[in-house]
Each structure stands twice: as structure tokens, then as C-alpha cells.
Amino acid sequence: MLGLLEGIDEYNNAGALLGLEGLDNDELLGALRQMNPLQRQKTINKLTAPPVASKGSRAEMEKHFAELPDHIREGLLKGELRLADTVIYSIKPVLGLTTKFFETQDDMEKGLRSVSNAKLQRGQALLVSGIIMLAGVSADATKAKVIGTAYDKIETFPAIANGEFSLKANKKQIVPDTSNNVFKTSNMNMVPIGYYKLANPRIIPDDVQIEFTMELGSMEAIAANTHVFVGLHGTITTP
């Protein structure tokens, strides 16, 4: 416990990161007694004082510290893991009414997808703050052409825009079936193209399957070699 307390300075909501409720925890009190008076007071102040507010998805991640697996919370406290901005992404062709963007047979490939086997790497936990969906038509189905495609707003793909998506982790719903219209951002000057901000951010821990499924009602006007980019934006733990 004493070693872990030395790593709390970087984070707000340190009590949740430590798995503590208040200052009446016996292990915590024992660790505080071992400190010199100056260090003890500094630690108490950090645990009890109202924090300077973090911003964006980092602030959302700090609110969900208590949901992190024990090995990830300990890694953050020991300084073995840090918080970082990220977009976990996958590009898939639209070949039918149903498209699955993270599949267990997928391998990580730069420019196509950033995870393997539909799971985060060991030690990673992602706070999904928002989702990106973009679409484009590649010159052909080769990897180079798919990666080199300009992905843009889904408004020019009505069948995609009028479809639905869902997001699950470990078979638990993060976003239930929802219209793809939420990714239409043409008249939103302050919002990145194709970005949908979640009002209810959720944690995806390591070693659980990520499922992002797009369902269309029609393939009308979907050109051959149409591909869709899906990105999960937020804060992730990383070495």
C-alpha cells in the first residue's frame, strides 16, 4: 500500500483507483503511519481535497476508475501504465446487410485495424468516449487501395446512414441498436466529421471480445468496394 500511495499524484479520484472508500481503511491508515509528517499530510490532502478538474475522456476515465480490473489499477498506481488518447479502429467492406467490424479471426494490420482477435492487449482498458463512422469507395479490393481510400461523411451513402449499429463488450451492451444517423455531422461545425459523442461512456477491459455490428435495411446504391471505417475514441491505459 505504501508504494501505491506514492503513485497517486498524477490522477484525480485517487481513492477509487486505490479501491478505497474514505480514510477509515485499516491498510491505508497503516501506510499513512509509516510516512514522515510532510509526506503523510500531502497524501491526505490528495485523497481528500477536491481535485482540479480533468478534461475530456480523461475525466470520464477517472470517474470509472473503480470499474478497472485490479491489475490495471495497480499498474497505474505503480507507474507501469499511463493514460493516453487513442482511437481503436477497423475498416471492413460492406458486402451484405450485416457487417462485423471486430472479429476473433482478425489480425492487427496498420491502416486496416488496430486490434487482433477483437480484443485489447493485456494491460489495456479503453474508456469509450465517442464513436467515429466514415465511408468510402476504394478503387479495388486490394489492401493498398483500401488503405489509400479517402473516408468521409456517411451522408453520401444513404443506405449506410439509414442503417443501425450496436456496440458490445464481453456480450454486454455499451450502445444498443441505434440509428447511424447519429454519425451525420454535416451541419455541426464544432464536431469532427462522423463523430458521435456518447452521453454514457463505458469501460472496455482487456481480454474481452469487442463487438461492433452494423445492420443495413437495404444495399441500394452501395457501390462495389464500399468500405466503412469505425473508430472507438477515448482514453486507454498503456505502458
C-alpha atoms as a PDB file:
ATOM      1  CA  MET A   1       0.000   0.000   0.000  1.00  0.00           C
ATOM      2  CA  LEU A   2       2.800   2.448   0.853  1.00  0.00           C
ATOM      3  CA  GLY A   3       4.343   2.028  -2.590  1.00  0.00           C
ATOM      4  CA  LEU A   4       0.987   2.513  -4.299  1.00  0.00           C
ATOM      5  CA  LEU A   5       0.261   5.739  -2.423  1.00  0.00           C
ATOM      6  CA  GLU A   6       3.386   7.258  -3.937  1.00  0.00           C
ATOM      7  CA  GLY A   7       1.825   6.942  -7.398  1.00  0.00           C
ATOM      8  CA  ILE A   8      -1.428   8.833  -6.842  1.00  0.00           C
ATOM      9  CA  ASP A   9      -0.217  12.341  -7.705  1.00  0.00           C
ATOM     10  CA  GLU A  10      -0.983  12.038 -11.412  1.00  0.00           C
ATOM     11  CA  TYR A  11      -4.657  11.170 -11.035  1.00  0.00           C
ATOM     12  CA  ASN A  12      -7.865  12.648  -9.733  1.00  0.00           C
ATOM     13  CA  ASN A  13     -10.289  10.296  -7.970  1.00  0.00           C
ATOM     14  CA  ALA A  14      -7.279   8.514  -6.446  1.00  0.00           C
ATOM     15  CA  GLY A  15      -9.448   6.863  -3.792  1.00  0.00           C
ATOM     16  CA  ALA A  16     -11.353   4.931  -6.450  1.00  0.00           C
ATOM     17  CA  LEU A  17      -8.102   3.972  -8.139  1.00  0.00           C
ATOM     18  CA  LEU A  18      -6.893   2.558  -4.825  1.00  0.00           C
ATOM     19  CA  GLY A  19     -10.226   0.873  -4.207  1.00  0.00           C
ATOM     20  CA  LEU A  20     -10.798   2.868  -1.037  1.00  0.00           C
ATOM     21  CA  GLU A  21     -13.859   4.498   0.474  1.00  0.00           C
ATOM     22  CA  GLY A  22     -12.763   7.338   2.738  1.00  0.00           C
ATOM     23  CA  LEU A  23      -9.841   7.318   5.173  1.00  0.00           C
ATOM     24  CA  ASP A  24     -11.079   4.641   7.562  1.00  0.00           C
ATOM     25  CA  ASN A  25      -9.425   1.769   5.697  1.00  0.00           C
ATOM     26  CA  ASP A  26      -7.042  -0.133   8.041  1.00  0.00           C
ATOM     27  CA  GLU A  27      -4.454  -0.783   5.342  1.00  0.00           C
ATOM     28  CA  LEU A  28      -4.467   2.879   4.334  1.00  0.00           C
ATOM     29  CA  LEU A  29      -4.121   4.084   7.923  1.00  0.00           C
ATOM     30  CA  GLY A  30      -1.193   1.736   8.435  1.00  0.00           C
ATOM     31  CA  ALA A  31       0.541   3.068   5.336  1.00  0.00           C
ATOM     32  CA  LEU A  32      -0.017   6.676   6.426  1.00  0.00           C
ATOM     33  CA  ARG A  33       1.580   5.979   9.816  1.00  0.00           C
ATOM     34  CA  GLN A  34       4.765   4.849   8.065  1.00  0.00           C
ATOM     35  CA  MET A  35       5.188   8.171   6.274  1.00  0.00           C
ATOM     36  CA  ASN A  36       7.021  11.197   7.561  1.00  0.00           C
ATOM     37  CA  PRO A  37       4.645  14.016   8.639  1.00  0.00           C
ATOM     38  CA  LEU A  38       5.115  16.084   5.465  1.00  0.00           C
ATOM     39  CA  GLN A  39       4.508  13.152   3.131  1.00  0.00           C
ATOM     40  CA  ARG A  40       1.540  11.997   5.221  1.00  0.00           C
ATOM     41  CA  GLN A  41      -0.163  15.391   5.046  1.00  0.00           C
ATOM     42  CA  LYS A  42       0.483  15.674   1.324  1.00  0.00           C
ATOM     43  CA  THR A  43      -1.087  12.245   0.738  1.00  0.00           C
ATOM     44  CA  ILE A  44      -4.119  13.020   2.911  1.00  0.00           C
ATOM     45  CA  ASN A  45      -4.629  16.291   1.048  1.00  0.00           C
ATOM     46  CA  LYS A  46      -4.514  14.461  -2.274  1.00  0.00           C
ATOM     47  CA  LEU A  47      -7.050  11.881  -1.157  1.00  0.00           C
ATOM     48  CA  THR A  48      -9.488  14.338   0.395  1.00  0.00           C
ATOM     49  CA  ALA A  49      -9.158  17.670  -1.422  1.00  0.00           C
ATOM     50  CA  PRO A  50     -11.487  18.497  -4.343  1.00  0.00           C
ATOM     51  CA  PRO A  51      -9.347  17.815  -7.415  1.00  0.00           C
ATOM     52  CA  VAL A  52      -8.534  20.211 -10.229  1.00  0.00           C
ATOM     53  CA  ALA A  53     -10.917  19.005 -12.891  1.00  0.00           C
ATOM     54  CA  SER A  54      -9.518  16.905 -15.705  1.00  0.00           C
ATOM     55  CA  LYS A  55     -10.994  17.378 -19.161  1.00  0.00           C
ATOM     56  CA  GLY A  56     -12.491  15.252 -21.909  1.00  0.00           C
ATOM     57  CA  SER A  57     -12.276  11.488 -21.934  1.00  0.00           C
ATOM     58  CA  ARG A  58      -9.543  11.509 -19.266  1.00  0.00           C
ATOM     59  CA  ALA A  59     -12.037  12.990 -16.800  1.00  0.00           C
ATOM     60  CA  GLU A  60     -14.539  10.324 -17.833  1.00  0.00           C
ATOM     61  CA  MET A  61     -11.931   7.604 -17.311  1.00  0.00           C
ATOM     62  CA  GLU A  62     -11.139   8.901 -13.811  1.00  0.00           C
ATOM     63  CA  LYS A  63     -14.829   8.680 -12.895  1.00  0.00           C
ATOM     64  CA  HIS A  64     -14.739   4.989 -13.865  1.00  0.00           C
ATOM     65  CA  PHE A  65     -11.506   4.050 -12.048  1.00  0.00           C
ATOM     66  CA  ALA A  66     -13.439   1.757  -9.693  1.00  0.00           C
ATOM     67  CA  GLU A  67     -14.512  -0.370 -12.685  1.00  0.00           C
ATOM     68  CA  LEU A  68     -10.964  -1.087 -13.846  1.00  0.00           C
ATOM     69  CA  PRO A  69      -9.586  -4.599 -13.287  1.00  0.00           C
ATOM     70  CA  ASP A  70      -7.297  -4.845 -10.242  1.00  0.00           C
ATOM     71  CA  HIS A  71      -4.135  -5.475 -12.288  1.00  0.00           C
ATOM     72  CA  ILE A  72      -4.730  -2.326 -14.353  1.00  0.00           C
ATOM     73  CA  ARG A  73      -5.431  -0.111 -11.323  1.00  0.00           C
ATOM     74  CA  GLU A  74      -2.254  -1.421  -9.697  1.00  0.00           C
ATOM     75  CA  GLY A  75      -0.300  -0.773 -12.903  1.00  0.00           C
ATOM     76  CA  LEU A  76      -1.474   2.847 -12.952  1.00  0.00           C
ATOM     77  CA  LEU A  77      -0.548   3.365  -9.305  1.00  0.00           C
ATOM     78  CA  LYS A  78       2.910   1.835  -9.761  1.00  0.00           C
ATOM     79  CA  GLY A  79       3.575   3.952 -12.843  1.00  0.00           C
ATOM     80  CA  GLU A  80       3.782   0.876 -15.069  1.00  0.00           C
ATOM     81  CA  LEU A  81       0.729   2.082 -17.001  1.00  0.00           C
ATOM     82  CA  ARG A  82      -0.348   5.556 -18.077  1.00  0.00           C
ATOM     83  CA  LEU A  83      -3.456   7.141 -19.569  1.00  0.00           C
ATOM     84  CA  ALA A  84      -3.323   8.097 -23.241  1.00  0.00           C
ATOM     85  CA  ASP A  85      -5.638   9.301 -26.006  1.00  0.00           C
ATOM     86  CA  THR A  86      -6.482   6.723 -28.657  1.00  0.00           C
ATOM     87  CA  VAL A  87      -8.782   5.609 -31.448  1.00  0.00           C
ATOM     88  CA  ILE A  88      -9.245   1.843 -31.758  1.00  0.00           C
ATOM     89  CA  TYR A  89     -10.346   1.315 -35.354  1.00  0.00           C
ATOM     90  CA  SER A  90     -11.351  -1.200 -38.000  1.00  0.00           C
ATOM     91  CA  ILE A  91     -12.130  -0.931 -41.714  1.00  0.00           C
ATOM     92  CA  LYS A  92     -14.415  -3.519 -43.291  1.00  0.00           C
ATOM     93  CA  PRO A  93     -16.067  -3.950 -46.711  1.00  0.00           C
ATOM     94  CA  VAL A  94     -19.843  -3.660 -46.960  1.00  0.00           C
ATOM     95  CA  LEU A  95     -20.662  -6.999 -48.584  1.00  0.00           C
ATOM     96  CA  GLY A  96     -24.154  -7.520 -47.221  1.00  0.00           C
ATOM     97  CA  LEU A  97     -26.764  -6.257 -44.811  1.00  0.00           C
ATOM     98  CA  THR A  98     -24.638  -7.195 -41.754  1.00  0.00           C
ATOM     99  CA  THR A  99     -21.030  -6.086 -41.196  1.00  0.00           C
ATOM    100  CA  LYS A 100     -18.998  -7.069 -38.138  1.00  0.00           C
ATOM    101  CA  PHE A 101     -16.029  -4.787 -37.539  1.00  0.00           C
ATOM    102  CA  PHE A 102     -14.130  -6.662 -34.824  1.00  0.00           C
ATOM    103  CA  GLU A 103     -13.927 -10.424 -35.319  1.00  0.00           C
ATOM    104  CA  THR A 104     -11.992 -13.121 -33.499  1.00  0.00           C
ATOM    105  CA  GLN A 105     -10.120 -14.133 -36.667  1.00  0.00           C
ATOM    106  CA  ASP A 106      -8.902 -10.580 -37.356  1.00  0.00           C
ATOM    107  CA  ASP A 107      -5.220  -9.699 -37.129  1.00  0.00           C
ATOM    108  CA  MET A 108      -3.846  -6.254 -36.400  1.00  0.00           C
ATOM    109  CA  GLU A 109      -2.845  -4.550 -39.672  1.00  0.00           C
ATOM    110  CA  LYS A 110      -1.659  -0.966 -39.850  1.00  0.00           C
ATOM    111  CA  GLY A 111      -4.172   1.120 -41.761  1.00  0.00           C
ATOM    112  CA  LEU A 112      -6.906  -1.536 -41.550  1.00  0.00           C
ATOM    113  CA  ARG A 113      -7.406  -2.343 -37.853  1.00  0.00           C
ATOM    114  CA  SER A 114      -5.619  -1.658 -34.600  1.00  0.00           C
ATOM    115  CA  VAL A 115      -6.518  -4.773 -32.583  1.00  0.00           C
ATOM    116  CA  SER A 116      -6.159  -8.523 -33.040  1.00  0.00           C
ATOM    117  CA  ASN A 117      -8.769 -11.173 -32.239  1.00  0.00           C
ATOM    118  CA  ALA A 118     -11.319  -8.451 -31.374  1.00  0.00           C
ATOM    119  CA  LYS A 119      -9.615  -7.834 -28.017  1.00  0.00           C
ATOM    120  CA  LEU A 120      -7.429  -5.176 -26.422  1.00  0.00           C
ATOM    121  CA  GLN A 121      -3.912  -6.153 -25.447  1.00  0.00           C
ATOM    122  CA  ARG A 122      -3.127  -7.257 -21.899  1.00  0.00           C
ATOM    123  CA  GLY A 123      -2.929  -4.238 -19.603  1.00  0.00           C
ATOM    124  CA  GLN A 124      -5.145  -2.073 -21.787  1.00  0.00           C
ATOM    125  CA  ALA A 125      -8.538  -0.746 -20.744  1.00  0.00           C
ATOM    126  CA  LEU A 126     -10.418   1.657 -23.013  1.00  0.00           C
ATOM    127  CA  LEU A 127     -12.924   4.259 -21.885  1.00  0.00           C
ATOM    128  CA  VAL A 128     -15.109   4.680 -24.983  1.00  0.00           C
ATOM    129  CA  SER A 129     -15.979   8.370 -25.062  1.00  0.00           C
ATOM    130  CA  GLY A 130     -17.179   8.588 -28.660  1.00  0.00           C
ATOM    131  CA  ILE A 131     -17.504   6.649 -31.898  1.00  0.00           C
ATOM    132  CA  ILE A 132     -16.485   7.565 -35.455  1.00  0.00           C
ATOM    133  CA  MET A 133     -18.074   6.181 -38.616  1.00  0.00           C
ATOM    134  CA  LEU A 134     -16.868   7.131 -42.100  1.00  0.00           C
ATOM    135  CA  ALA A 135     -17.329   5.546 -45.511  1.00  0.00           C
ATOM    136  CA  GLY A 136     -15.529   5.425 -48.838  1.00  0.00           C
ATOM    137  CA  VAL A 137     -15.250   3.509 -52.103  1.00  0.00           C
ATOM    138  CA  SER A 138     -11.837   2.036 -52.883  1.00  0.00           C
ATOM    139  CA  ALA A 139     -10.530   1.614 -56.427  1.00  0.00           C
ATOM    140  CA  ASP A 140     -10.427  -2.147 -55.883  1.00  0.00           C
ATOM    141  CA  ALA A 141     -10.390  -4.656 -53.011  1.00  0.00           C
ATOM    142  CA  THR A 142      -6.605  -4.802 -52.586  1.00  0.00           C
ATOM    143  CA  LYS A 143      -5.181  -3.860 -49.211  1.00  0.00           C
ATOM    144  CA  ALA A 144      -3.211  -0.921 -50.606  1.00  0.00           C
ATOM    145  CA  LYS A 145      -6.260   0.600 -52.292  1.00  0.00           C
ATOM    146  CA  VAL A 146      -8.489   0.093 -49.244  1.00  0.00           C
ATOM    147  CA  ILE A 147      -5.916   1.771 -47.000  1.00  0.00           C
ATOM    148  CA  GLY A 148      -5.440   4.559 -49.552  1.00  0.00           C
ATOM    149  CA  THR A 149      -9.160   5.345 -49.785  1.00  0.00           C
ATOM    150  CA  ALA A 150     -10.430   8.741 -48.646  1.00  0.00           C
ATOM    151  CA  TYR A 151     -13.009   8.039 -45.924  1.00  0.00           C
ATOM    152  CA  ASP A 152     -15.575  10.772 -45.456  1.00  0.00           C
ATOM    153  CA  LYS A 153     -19.059  11.518 -44.133  1.00  0.00           C
ATOM    154  CA  ILE A 154     -21.740   8.842 -44.435  1.00  0.00           C
ATOM    155  CA  GLU A 155     -24.315  11.341 -45.716  1.00  0.00           C
ATOM    156  CA  THR A 156     -23.350  10.419 -49.301  1.00  0.00           C
ATOM    157  CA  PHE A 157     -24.198   6.756 -48.566  1.00  0.00           C
ATOM    158  CA  PRO A 158     -27.945   6.898 -47.700  1.00  0.00           C
ATOM    159  CA  ALA A 159     -28.329   3.141 -47.154  1.00  0.00           C
ATOM    160  CA  ILE A 160     -25.494   3.265 -44.600  1.00  0.00           C
ATOM    161  CA  ALA A 161     -26.761   6.447 -42.958  1.00  0.00           C
ATOM    162  CA  ASN A 162     -30.196   4.854 -42.546  1.00  0.00           C
ATOM    163  CA  GLY A 163     -28.798   1.660 -41.064  1.00  0.00           C
ATOM    164  CA  GLU A 164     -28.157   0.825 -37.415  1.00  0.00           C
ATOM    165  CA  PHE A 165     -25.194  -0.116 -35.242  1.00  0.00           C
ATOM    166  CA  SER A 166     -24.574  -1.682 -31.857  1.00  0.00           C
ATOM    167  CA  LEU A 167     -21.524  -1.986 -29.613  1.00  0.00           C
ATOM    168  CA  LYS A 168     -20.910  -4.742 -27.067  1.00  0.00           C
ATOM    169  CA  ALA A 169     -18.002  -5.836 -24.885  1.00  0.00           C
ATOM    170  CA  ASN A 170     -17.970  -9.246 -23.246  1.00  0.00           C
ATOM    171  CA  LYS A 171     -21.552  -9.705 -24.549  1.00  0.00           C
ATOM    172  CA  LYS A 172     -22.723  -6.644 -22.556  1.00  0.00           C
ATOM    173  CA  GLN A 173     -24.357  -3.738 -24.365  1.00  0.00           C
ATOM    174  CA  ILE A 174     -22.461  -0.454 -24.465  1.00  0.00           C
ATOM    175  CA  VAL A 175     -24.662   1.010 -27.202  1.00  0.00           C
ATOM    176  CA  PRO A 176     -27.844  -0.893 -28.145  1.00  0.00           C
ATOM    177  CA  ASP A 177     -29.240  -0.828 -31.694  1.00  0.00           C
ATOM    178  CA  THR A 178     -29.022   2.836 -32.681  1.00  0.00           C
ATOM    179  CA  SER A 179     -29.525   4.691 -35.971  1.00  0.00           C
ATOM    180  CA  ASN A 180     -26.407   5.501 -37.964  1.00  0.00           C
ATOM    181  CA  ASN A 181     -27.918   8.957 -38.407  1.00  0.00           C
ATOM    182  CA  VAL A 182     -26.080   9.942 -35.223  1.00  0.00           C
ATOM    183  CA  PHE A 183     -22.896   9.996 -37.349  1.00  0.00           C
ATOM    184  CA  LYS A 184     -24.309  12.629 -39.721  1.00  0.00           C
ATOM    185  CA  THR A 185     -22.366  15.770 -38.786  1.00  0.00           C
ATOM    186  CA  SER A 186     -22.519  17.927 -41.934  1.00  0.00           C
ATOM    187  CA  ASN A 187     -24.218  20.849 -40.166  1.00  0.00           C
ATOM    188  CA  MET A 188     -22.198  20.594 -36.952  1.00  0.00           C
ATOM    189  CA  ASN A 189     -19.216  22.882 -37.387  1.00  0.00           C
ATOM    190  CA  MET A 190     -17.746  22.136 -33.951  1.00  0.00           C
ATOM    191  CA  VAL A 191     -17.950  18.324 -34.288  1.00  0.00           C
ATOM    192  CA  PRO A 192     -15.407  16.199 -36.206  1.00  0.00           C
ATOM    193  CA  ILE A 193     -16.824  14.501 -39.305  1.00  0.00           C
ATOM    194  CA  GLY A 194     -18.671  11.306 -38.439  1.00  0.00           C
ATOM    195  CA  TYR A 195     -18.186  11.646 -34.670  1.00  0.00           C
ATOM    196  CA  TYR A 196     -20.843  10.623 -32.149  1.00  0.00           C
ATOM    197  CA  LYS A 197     -20.194  11.605 -28.527  1.00  0.00           C
ATOM    198  CA  LEU A 198     -21.507   9.092 -26.007  1.00  0.00           C
ATOM    199  CA  ALA A 199     -23.550  10.522 -23.146  1.00  0.00           C
ATOM    200  CA  ASN A 200     -22.873   7.289 -21.259  1.00  0.00           C
ATOM    201  CA  PRO A 201     -19.166   6.392 -21.678  1.00  0.00           C
ATOM    202  CA  ARG A 202     -18.187   2.845 -20.779  1.00  0.00           C
ATOM    203  CA  ILE A 203     -15.022   0.885 -19.999  1.00  0.00           C
ATOM    204  CA  ILE A 204     -13.841  -1.984 -22.209  1.00  0.00           C
ATOM    205  CA  PRO A 205     -11.229  -4.003 -20.250  1.00  0.00           C
ATOM    206  CA  ASP A 206      -8.518  -6.186 -21.725  1.00  0.00           C
ATOM    207  CA  ASP A 207      -9.150  -9.780 -22.732  1.00  0.00           C
ATOM    208  CA  VAL A 208     -12.868  -9.406 -23.552  1.00  0.00           C
ATOM    209  CA  GLN A 209     -14.384  -9.586 -27.019  1.00  0.00           C
ATOM    210  CA  ILE A 210     -15.369  -6.311 -28.685  1.00  0.00           C
ATOM    211  CA  GLU A 211     -18.388  -6.499 -30.990  1.00  0.00           C
ATOM    212  CA  PHE A 212     -19.363  -3.622 -33.270  1.00  0.00           C
ATOM    213  CA  THR A 213     -22.101  -4.608 -35.712  1.00  0.00           C
ATOM    214  CA  MET A 214     -23.655  -2.537 -38.498  1.00  0.00           C
ATOM    215  CA  GLU A 215     -27.046  -3.620 -39.861  1.00  0.00           C
ATOM    216  CA  LEU A 216     -28.474  -2.193 -43.083  1.00  0.00           C
ATOM    217  CA  GLY A 217     -32.044  -2.398 -44.309  1.00  0.00           C
ATOM    218  CA  SER A 218     -31.004  -2.203 -47.954  1.00  0.00           C
ATOM    219  CA  MET A 219     -27.941  -2.429 -50.209  1.00  0.00           C
ATOM    220  CA  GLU A 220     -29.474   0.153 -52.560  1.00  0.00           C
ATOM    221  CA  ALA A 221     -26.786   2.309 -54.236  1.00  0.00           C
ATOM    222  CA  ILE A 222     -23.968   0.626 -52.268  1.00  0.00           C
ATOM    223  CA  ALA A 223     -21.167   0.511 -54.838  1.00  0.00           C
ATOM    224  CA  ALA A 224     -18.739  -2.369 -55.153  1.00  0.00           C
ATOM    225  CA  ASN A 225     -15.715  -1.952 -52.871  1.00  0.00           C
ATOM    226  CA  THR A 226     -17.564   0.301 -50.450  1.00  0.00           C
ATOM    227  CA  HIS A 227     -15.763   0.203 -47.103  1.00  0.00           C
ATOM    228  CA  VAL A 228     -16.634   1.651 -43.699  1.00  0.00           C
ATOM    229  CA  PHE A 229     -14.218   2.970 -41.080  1.00  0.00           C
ATOM    230  CA  VAL A 230     -15.296   2.585 -37.443  1.00  0.00           C
ATOM    231  CA  GLY A 231     -13.261   4.105 -34.613  1.00  0.00           C
ATOM    232  CA  LEU A 232     -13.724   3.907 -30.841  1.00  0.00           C
ATOM    233  CA  HIS A 233     -12.318   7.138 -29.428  1.00  0.00           C
ATOM    234  CA  GLY A 234     -11.344   7.677 -25.823  1.00  0.00           C
ATOM    235  CA  THR A 235      -8.702   7.193 -23.138  1.00  0.00           C
ATOM    236  CA  ILE A 236      -6.714   3.971 -22.839  1.00  0.00           C
ATOM    237  CA  THR A 237      -4.219   2.569 -20.376  1.00  0.00           C
ATOM    238  CA  THR A 238      -0.842   1.917 -21.945  1.00  0.00           C
ATOM    239  CA  PRO A 239       2.761   1.193 -20.804  1.00  0.00           C
END
